[in-house]
C-alpha atoms as a PDB file:
ATOM      1  CA  MET A   1     -38.898   8.656  29.936  1.00  0.00           C
ATOM      2  CA  ASP A   2     -42.689   9.271  30.858  1.00  0.00           C
ATOM      3  CA  LEU A   3     -42.874  13.143  30.276  1.00  0.00           C
ATOM      4  CA  SER A   4     -46.466  13.077  31.765  1.00  0.00           C
ATOM      5  CA  VAL A   5     -45.496  12.518  35.225  1.00  0.00           C
ATOM      6  CA  LEU A   6     -42.969  15.354  35.344  1.00  0.00           C
ATOM      7  CA  PRO A   7     -44.089  18.356  37.552  1.00  0.00           C
ATOM      8  CA  THR A   8     -45.408  21.345  36.036  1.00  0.00           C
ATOM      9  CA  LEU A   9     -43.947  24.910  36.435  1.00  0.00           C
ATOM     10  CA  THR A  10     -45.535  27.244  33.705  1.00  0.00           C
ATOM     11  CA  VAL A  11     -47.999  26.532  31.330  1.00  0.00           C
ATOM     12  CA  LEU A  12     -47.107  28.390  27.927  1.00  0.00           C
ATOM     13  CA  SER A  13     -50.064  26.627  25.484  1.00  0.00           C
ATOM     14  CA  ASP A  14     -52.735  23.405  25.565  1.00  0.00           C
ATOM     15  CA  TYR A  15     -49.261  21.747  24.628  1.00  0.00           C
ATOM     16  CA  VAL A  16     -46.058  23.230  26.001  1.00  0.00           C
ATOM     17  CA  THR A  17     -45.106  23.803  29.239  1.00  0.00           C
ATOM     18  CA  ILE A  18     -41.861  24.257  31.045  1.00  0.00           C
ATOM     19  CA  ALA A  19     -41.411  21.053  33.471  1.00  0.00           C
ATOM     20  CA  GLN A  20     -38.960  20.249  36.358  1.00  0.00           C
ATOM     21  CA  LEU A  21     -36.580  17.000  35.731  1.00  0.00           C
ATOM     22  CA  GLY A  22     -34.243  17.016  38.722  1.00  0.00           C
ATOM     23  CA  ASP A  23     -32.482  20.331  38.907  1.00  0.00           C
ATOM     24  CA  ASN A  24     -33.181  20.850  35.180  1.00  0.00           C
ATOM     25  CA  LYS A  25     -36.150  22.790  33.497  1.00  0.00           C
ATOM     26  CA  MET A  26     -37.300  21.188  30.270  1.00  0.00           C
ATOM     27  CA  VAL A  27     -39.563  22.665  27.458  1.00  0.00           C
ATOM     28  CA  ARG A  28     -42.266  19.909  27.350  1.00  0.00           C
ATOM     29  CA  VAL A  29     -44.442  19.220  24.751  1.00  0.00           C
ATOM     30  CA  LEU A  30     -47.373  17.142  25.136  1.00  0.00           C
ATOM     31  CA  HIS A  31     -49.250  16.593  21.993  1.00  0.00           C
ATOM     32  CA  PRO A  32     -51.621  14.113  20.368  1.00  0.00           C
ATOM     33  CA  LYS A  33     -49.436  13.150  18.038  1.00  0.00           C
ATOM     34  CA  ALA A  34     -45.883  13.141  19.645  1.00  0.00           C
ATOM     35  CA  SER A  35     -43.994  14.274  23.086  1.00  0.00           C
ATOM     36  CA  ALA A  36     -41.021  15.884  23.583  1.00  0.00           C
ATOM     37  CA  ALA A  37     -38.668  17.469  25.700  1.00  0.00           C
ATOM     38  CA  ILE A  38     -35.693  20.213  25.506  1.00  0.00           C
ATOM     39  CA  SER A  39     -33.652  20.735  28.452  1.00  0.00           C
ATOM     40  CA  LEU A  40     -33.093  24.607  29.356  1.00  0.00           C
ATOM     41  CA  HIS A  41     -29.525  23.492  30.707  1.00  0.00           C
ATOM     42  CA  GLY A  42     -27.336  22.536  27.682  1.00  0.00           C
ATOM     43  CA  GLY A  43     -30.229  23.101  25.373  1.00  0.00           C
ATOM     44  CA  HIS A  44     -30.575  19.279  24.768  1.00  0.00           C
ATOM     45  CA  VAL A  45     -33.547  17.658  23.180  1.00  0.00           C
ATOM     46  CA  VAL A  46     -34.035  14.458  25.468  1.00  0.00           C
ATOM     47  CA  SER A  47     -37.027  12.872  24.491  1.00  0.00           C
ATOM     48  CA  PHE A  48     -38.648  12.923  20.827  1.00  0.00           C
ATOM     49  CA  LYS A  49     -41.653  10.147  21.148  1.00  0.00           C
ATOM     50  CA  PRO A  50     -43.912   9.769  18.149  1.00  0.00           C
ATOM     51  CA  GLU A  51     -47.476   8.575  19.515  1.00  0.00           C
ATOM     52  CA  GLY A  52     -47.388   4.993  19.566  1.00  0.00           C
ATOM     53  CA  GLN A  53     -43.936   4.517  19.115  1.00  0.00           C
ATOM     54  CA  GLU A  54     -40.724   4.116  21.333  1.00  0.00           C
ATOM     55  CA  ASP A  55     -38.484   7.388  22.137  1.00  0.00           C
ATOM     56  CA  LEU A  56     -36.464   8.315  19.167  1.00  0.00           C
ATOM     57  CA  ILE A  57     -33.645   9.995  21.521  1.00  0.00           C
ATOM     58  CA  TRP A  58     -31.023   8.055  23.053  1.00  0.00           C
ATOM     59  CA  MET A  59     -30.378   9.320  26.838  1.00  0.00           C
ATOM     60  CA  SER A  60     -28.014   7.452  28.982  1.00  0.00           C
ATOM     61  CA  LYS A  61     -29.236   5.749  31.947  1.00  0.00           C
ATOM     62  CA  ASP A  62     -26.030   7.579  33.763  1.00  0.00           C
ATOM     63  CA  ALA A  63     -27.756  10.736  32.690  1.00  0.00           C
ATOM     64  CA  VAL A  64     -27.529  13.170  35.477  1.00  0.00           C
ATOM     65  CA  TYR A  65     -30.225  16.138  35.581  1.00  0.00           C
ATOM     66  CA  ASP A  66     -28.203  18.418  38.115  1.00  0.00           C
ATOM     67  CA  ASN A  67     -27.514  21.748  35.848  1.00  0.00           C
ATOM     68  CA  LYS A  68     -23.900  21.077  36.510  1.00  0.00           C
ATOM     69  CA  ALA A  69     -22.461  18.968  34.342  1.00  0.00           C
ATOM     70  CA  ALA A  70     -23.303  18.128  30.173  1.00  0.00           C
ATOM     71  CA  LEU A  71     -26.309  15.417  29.265  1.00  0.00           C
ATOM     72  CA  ARG A  72     -25.059  12.153  28.238  1.00  0.00           C
ATOM     73  CA  GLY A  73     -27.329  11.792  25.276  1.00  0.00           C
ATOM     74  CA  GLY A  74     -29.616  13.582  23.433  1.00  0.00           C
ATOM     75  CA  ILE A  75     -29.232  16.110  20.754  1.00  0.00           C
ATOM     76  CA  GLN A  76     -27.412  19.189  21.741  1.00  0.00           C
ATOM     77  CA  PHE A  77     -28.458  22.653  20.006  1.00  0.00           C
ATOM     78  CA  VAL A  78     -25.398  24.368  18.683  1.00  0.00           C
ATOM     79  CA  GLY A  79     -25.410  28.404  19.054  1.00  0.00           C
ATOM     80  CA  ARG A  80     -22.444  30.853  18.713  1.00  0.00           C
ATOM     81  CA  GLY A  81     -20.878  31.935  22.106  1.00  0.00           C
ATOM     82  CA  SER A  82     -18.198  31.867  24.240  1.00  0.00           C
ATOM     83  CA  VAL A  83     -17.026  29.468  27.008  1.00  0.00           C
ATOM     84  CA  ALA A  84     -18.761  31.544  29.529  1.00  0.00           C
ATOM     85  CA  SER A  85     -21.989  31.518  27.496  1.00  0.00           C
ATOM     86  CA  PRO A  86     -22.066  28.392  25.260  1.00  0.00           C
ATOM     87  CA  HIS A  87     -25.553  28.101  24.297  1.00  0.00           C
ATOM     88  CA  PRO A  88     -26.928  32.035  23.987  1.00  0.00           C
ATOM     89  CA  HIS A  89     -29.874  30.580  22.159  1.00  0.00           C
ATOM     90  CA  MET A  90     -31.393  28.795  25.447  1.00  0.00           C
ATOM     91  CA  ALA A  91     -30.599  31.534  27.275  1.00  0.00           C
ATOM     92  CA  SER A  92     -32.468  33.558  25.841  1.00  0.00           C
ATOM     93  CA  LEU A  93     -35.409  31.079  25.342  1.00  0.00           C
ATOM     94  CA  ALA A  94     -35.079  30.838  29.067  1.00  0.00           C
ATOM     95  CA  THR A  95     -35.185  34.457  29.456  1.00  0.00           C
ATOM     96  CA  VAL A  96     -38.419  34.450  26.799  1.00  0.00           C
ATOM     97  CA  LEU A  97     -40.095  31.805  29.057  1.00  0.00           C
ATOM     98  CA  GLY A  98     -39.025  33.475  31.758  1.00  0.00           C
ATOM     99  CA  SER A  99     -37.389  30.896  33.907  1.00  0.00           C
END
């Protein structure tokens, strides 16, 4: 996944932005040492690529970034919550980031 081509929605710092992938908002890190993306939908790390290496995170080619279904692949953050709100940490992060 080439994170550099995703449209930027919000700039948080020199290296961290909120970007759009399909209908999903992502926390995107573009640093000289590595790049990474975390989906705010479901709290998935969908990419981590150290400079000069392949992406270390597997995502299915069938993953659909539509904010409706769980993503196929990645590493999901696990948090406390109910069925209605299974990812309170990501909801809090989205609120703090203003998305």
